[in-house]
N, C-alpha and C. Protein backbone atom coordinates (compact mmCIF):
# COMPACT_ATOMS: atom_id res chain seq x y z
N UNK A 1 48.64 1.39 9.94
CA UNK A 1 49.48 2.54 10.14
C UNK A 1 49.23 3.18 11.49
N UNK A 2 47.99 3.16 11.92
CA UNK A 2 47.62 3.78 13.20
C UNK A 2 48.41 3.16 14.34
N UNK A 3 48.49 1.85 14.37
CA UNK A 3 49.18 1.15 15.45
C UNK A 3 50.67 1.47 15.43
N UNK A 4 51.26 1.56 14.25
CA UNK A 4 52.68 1.86 14.12
C UNK A 4 53.00 3.23 14.70
N UNK A 5 52.23 4.24 14.33
CA UNK A 5 52.46 5.59 14.84
C UNK A 5 52.24 5.64 16.35
N UNK A 6 51.24 4.93 16.83
CA UNK A 6 50.94 4.92 18.26
C UNK A 6 52.09 4.32 19.07
N UNK A 7 52.66 3.23 18.61
CA UNK A 7 53.77 2.59 19.30
C UNK A 7 54.99 3.51 19.33
N UNK A 8 55.29 4.13 18.21
CA UNK A 8 56.45 5.03 18.13
C UNK A 8 56.24 6.24 19.06
N UNK A 9 55.07 6.84 19.00
CA UNK A 9 54.80 8.04 19.80
C UNK A 9 54.83 7.73 21.29
N UNK A 10 54.24 6.62 21.70
CA UNK A 10 54.22 6.28 23.13
C UNK A 10 55.62 6.00 23.67
N UNK A 11 56.51 5.54 22.81
CA UNK A 11 57.88 5.30 23.23
C UNK A 11 58.65 6.61 23.42
N UNK A 12 58.23 7.67 22.77
CA UNK A 12 58.95 8.94 22.83
C UNK A 12 58.51 9.87 23.95
N UNK A 13 57.25 9.82 24.33
CA UNK A 13 56.69 10.82 25.23
C UNK A 13 56.75 10.40 26.69
N UNK A 14 56.56 11.39 27.58
CA UNK A 14 56.52 11.12 29.01
C UNK A 14 55.10 10.80 29.48
N UNK A 15 54.10 11.20 28.73
CA UNK A 15 52.70 10.93 29.08
C UNK A 15 52.06 10.07 27.99
N UNK A 16 52.39 8.77 27.96
CA UNK A 16 51.86 7.92 26.88
C UNK A 16 50.35 7.74 26.91
N UNK A 17 49.72 7.96 28.06
CA UNK A 17 48.26 7.81 28.14
C UNK A 17 47.53 8.95 27.43
N UNK A 18 48.23 10.04 27.11
CA UNK A 18 47.61 11.16 26.41
C UNK A 18 47.85 11.14 24.90
N UNK A 19 48.45 10.08 24.40
CA UNK A 19 48.68 9.94 22.96
C UNK A 19 47.38 9.47 22.31
N UNK A 20 46.94 10.22 21.31
CA UNK A 20 45.72 9.88 20.56
C UNK A 20 46.08 9.84 19.08
N UNK A 21 45.79 8.71 18.45
CA UNK A 21 46.08 8.55 17.02
C UNK A 21 44.78 8.22 16.31
N UNK A 22 44.46 9.01 15.28
CA UNK A 22 43.28 8.73 14.47
C UNK A 22 43.72 8.51 13.03
N UNK A 23 42.92 7.74 12.32
CA UNK A 23 43.27 7.37 10.95
C UNK A 23 42.07 7.63 10.05
N UNK A 24 42.32 8.34 8.95
CA UNK A 24 41.28 8.61 7.96
C UNK A 24 41.70 7.96 6.65
N UNK A 25 40.84 7.10 6.13
CA UNK A 25 41.14 6.38 4.89
C UNK A 25 40.28 6.93 3.77
N UNK A 26 40.94 7.26 2.65
CA UNK A 26 40.25 7.74 1.47
C UNK A 26 40.83 7.01 0.27
N UNK A 27 40.28 5.86 -0.03
CA UNK A 27 40.81 5.04 -1.12
C UNK A 27 42.17 4.48 -0.75
N UNK A 28 43.19 4.86 -1.53
CA UNK A 28 44.55 4.40 -1.24
C UNK A 28 45.35 5.45 -0.48
N UNK A 29 44.69 6.48 0.01
CA UNK A 29 45.36 7.53 0.78
C UNK A 29 44.92 7.45 2.24
N UNK A 30 45.89 7.36 3.13
CA UNK A 30 45.62 7.28 4.57
C UNK A 30 46.25 8.49 5.24
N UNK A 31 45.47 9.19 6.04
CA UNK A 31 45.98 10.30 6.83
C UNK A 31 45.93 9.90 8.29
N UNK A 32 47.08 9.91 8.93
CA UNK A 32 47.18 9.55 10.34
C UNK A 32 47.43 10.83 11.12
N UNK A 33 46.54 11.12 12.08
CA UNK A 33 46.69 12.32 12.91
C UNK A 33 47.19 11.91 14.29
N UNK A 34 48.23 12.58 14.75
CA UNK A 34 48.84 12.27 16.03
C UNK A 34 48.67 13.46 16.96
N UNK A 35 48.08 13.20 18.13
CA UNK A 35 47.91 14.23 19.15
C UNK A 35 48.63 13.76 20.41
N UNK A 36 49.45 14.64 20.98
CA UNK A 36 50.15 14.34 22.22
C UNK A 36 49.94 15.50 23.19
N UNK A 37 50.34 15.31 24.43
CA UNK A 37 50.25 16.39 25.42
C UNK A 37 51.13 17.55 24.96
N UNK A 38 50.72 18.76 25.32
CA UNK A 38 51.47 19.95 24.91
C UNK A 38 52.92 19.88 25.39
N UNK A 39 53.16 19.33 26.56
CA UNK A 39 54.52 19.25 27.09
C UNK A 39 55.38 18.24 26.33
N UNK A 40 54.76 17.32 25.62
CA UNK A 40 55.50 16.31 24.86
C UNK A 40 55.65 16.66 23.38
N UNK A 41 55.10 17.78 22.97
CA UNK A 41 55.13 18.15 21.56
C UNK A 41 56.56 18.26 21.03
N UNK A 42 57.44 18.84 21.79
CA UNK A 42 58.83 18.99 21.36
C UNK A 42 59.55 17.66 21.19
N UNK A 43 59.19 16.68 22.01
CA UNK A 43 59.81 15.36 21.90
C UNK A 43 59.38 14.64 20.64
N UNK A 44 58.16 14.86 20.22
CA UNK A 44 57.65 14.20 19.02
C UNK A 44 58.17 14.88 17.75
N UNK A 45 58.34 16.20 17.81
CA UNK A 45 58.82 16.93 16.65
C UNK A 45 60.34 16.86 16.55
N UNK A 46 61.03 17.04 17.66
CA UNK A 46 62.50 16.97 17.67
C UNK A 46 63.14 18.25 17.16
N UNK A 47 64.44 18.31 17.28
CA UNK A 47 65.17 19.49 16.81
C UNK A 47 65.10 19.57 15.30
N UNK A 48 64.68 20.73 14.82
CA UNK A 48 64.52 20.99 13.40
C UNK A 48 63.62 19.97 12.72
N UNK A 49 62.71 19.35 13.48
CA UNK A 49 61.75 18.41 12.91
C UNK A 49 62.31 17.04 12.56
N UNK A 50 63.46 16.69 13.11
CA UNK A 50 64.09 15.43 12.73
C UNK A 50 63.29 14.20 13.16
N UNK A 51 62.72 14.22 14.35
CA UNK A 51 61.94 13.07 14.82
C UNK A 51 60.67 12.93 13.98
N UNK A 52 60.01 14.05 13.72
CA UNK A 52 58.79 14.02 12.89
C UNK A 52 59.11 13.49 11.50
N UNK A 53 60.22 13.91 10.92
CA UNK A 53 60.61 13.41 9.60
C UNK A 53 60.88 11.92 9.64
N UNK A 54 61.50 11.45 10.72
CA UNK A 54 61.80 10.03 10.85
C UNK A 54 60.52 9.21 10.98
N UNK A 55 59.56 9.71 11.76
CA UNK A 55 58.27 9.02 11.90
C UNK A 55 57.59 8.93 10.53
N UNK A 56 57.59 10.03 9.80
CA UNK A 56 56.96 10.04 8.48
C UNK A 56 57.66 9.09 7.52
N UNK A 57 58.99 9.00 7.61
CA UNK A 57 59.73 8.10 6.73
C UNK A 57 59.40 6.64 7.02
N UNK A 58 59.29 6.28 8.29
CA UNK A 58 58.95 4.91 8.66
C UNK A 58 57.54 4.56 8.18
N UNK A 59 56.61 5.47 8.38
CA UNK A 59 55.23 5.23 7.95
C UNK A 59 55.15 5.14 6.43
N UNK A 60 55.89 5.99 5.74
CA UNK A 60 55.90 5.94 4.27
C UNK A 60 56.44 4.61 3.77
N UNK A 61 57.50 4.12 4.41
CA UNK A 61 58.06 2.83 4.01
C UNK A 61 57.07 1.69 4.26
N UNK A 62 56.39 1.73 5.40
CA UNK A 62 55.41 0.70 5.71
C UNK A 62 54.21 0.77 4.78
N UNK A 63 53.81 1.98 4.41
CA UNK A 63 52.65 2.11 3.52
C UNK A 63 52.98 1.66 2.10
N UNK A 64 54.21 1.85 1.68
CA UNK A 64 54.61 1.40 0.35
C UNK A 64 54.48 -0.12 0.25
N UNK A 65 54.80 -0.78 1.33
CA UNK A 65 54.68 -2.24 1.37
C UNK A 65 53.23 -2.67 1.19
N UNK A 66 52.30 -1.89 1.74
CA UNK A 66 50.87 -2.20 1.64
C UNK A 66 50.21 -1.60 0.40
N UNK A 67 51.00 -0.96 -0.48
CA UNK A 67 50.53 -0.36 -1.71
C UNK A 67 49.49 0.74 -1.47
N UNK A 68 49.75 1.58 -0.46
CA UNK A 68 48.92 2.75 -0.18
C UNK A 68 49.84 3.94 0.08
N UNK A 69 49.27 5.14 0.11
CA UNK A 69 50.03 6.34 0.46
C UNK A 69 49.56 6.83 1.82
N UNK A 70 50.50 6.96 2.75
CA UNK A 70 50.16 7.40 4.10
C UNK A 70 50.89 8.68 4.43
N UNK A 71 50.21 9.56 5.15
CA UNK A 71 50.78 10.83 5.59
C UNK A 71 50.49 10.98 7.07
N UNK A 72 51.45 11.54 7.81
CA UNK A 72 51.31 11.72 9.25
C UNK A 72 51.21 13.21 9.54
N UNK A 73 50.14 13.61 10.24
CA UNK A 73 49.96 14.99 10.66
C UNK A 73 50.05 15.04 12.18
N UNK A 74 50.89 15.92 12.69
CA UNK A 74 50.98 16.12 14.12
C UNK A 74 50.18 17.35 14.47
N UNK A 75 49.13 17.17 15.24
CA UNK A 75 48.20 18.26 15.56
C UNK A 75 48.26 18.60 17.04
N UNK A 76 47.90 19.85 17.36
CA UNK A 76 47.91 20.29 18.75
C UNK A 76 46.59 20.02 19.40
């Protein structure tokens, strides 16, 4: 899941070298934390959170295939 979020985020932002993705695994629950530059935060979240919702939907679909539950947190 970490690699998937990283690829998506780097494609969206203007400063891809500042994208940091961490993954915490707790049994069948995976929490993926995404950090981007402050200037790119709006691009990752999108208007009314549409981009963030889309990222979460893609990760949820991929995690279902692997029989785990994944959640994406966008942190500052």
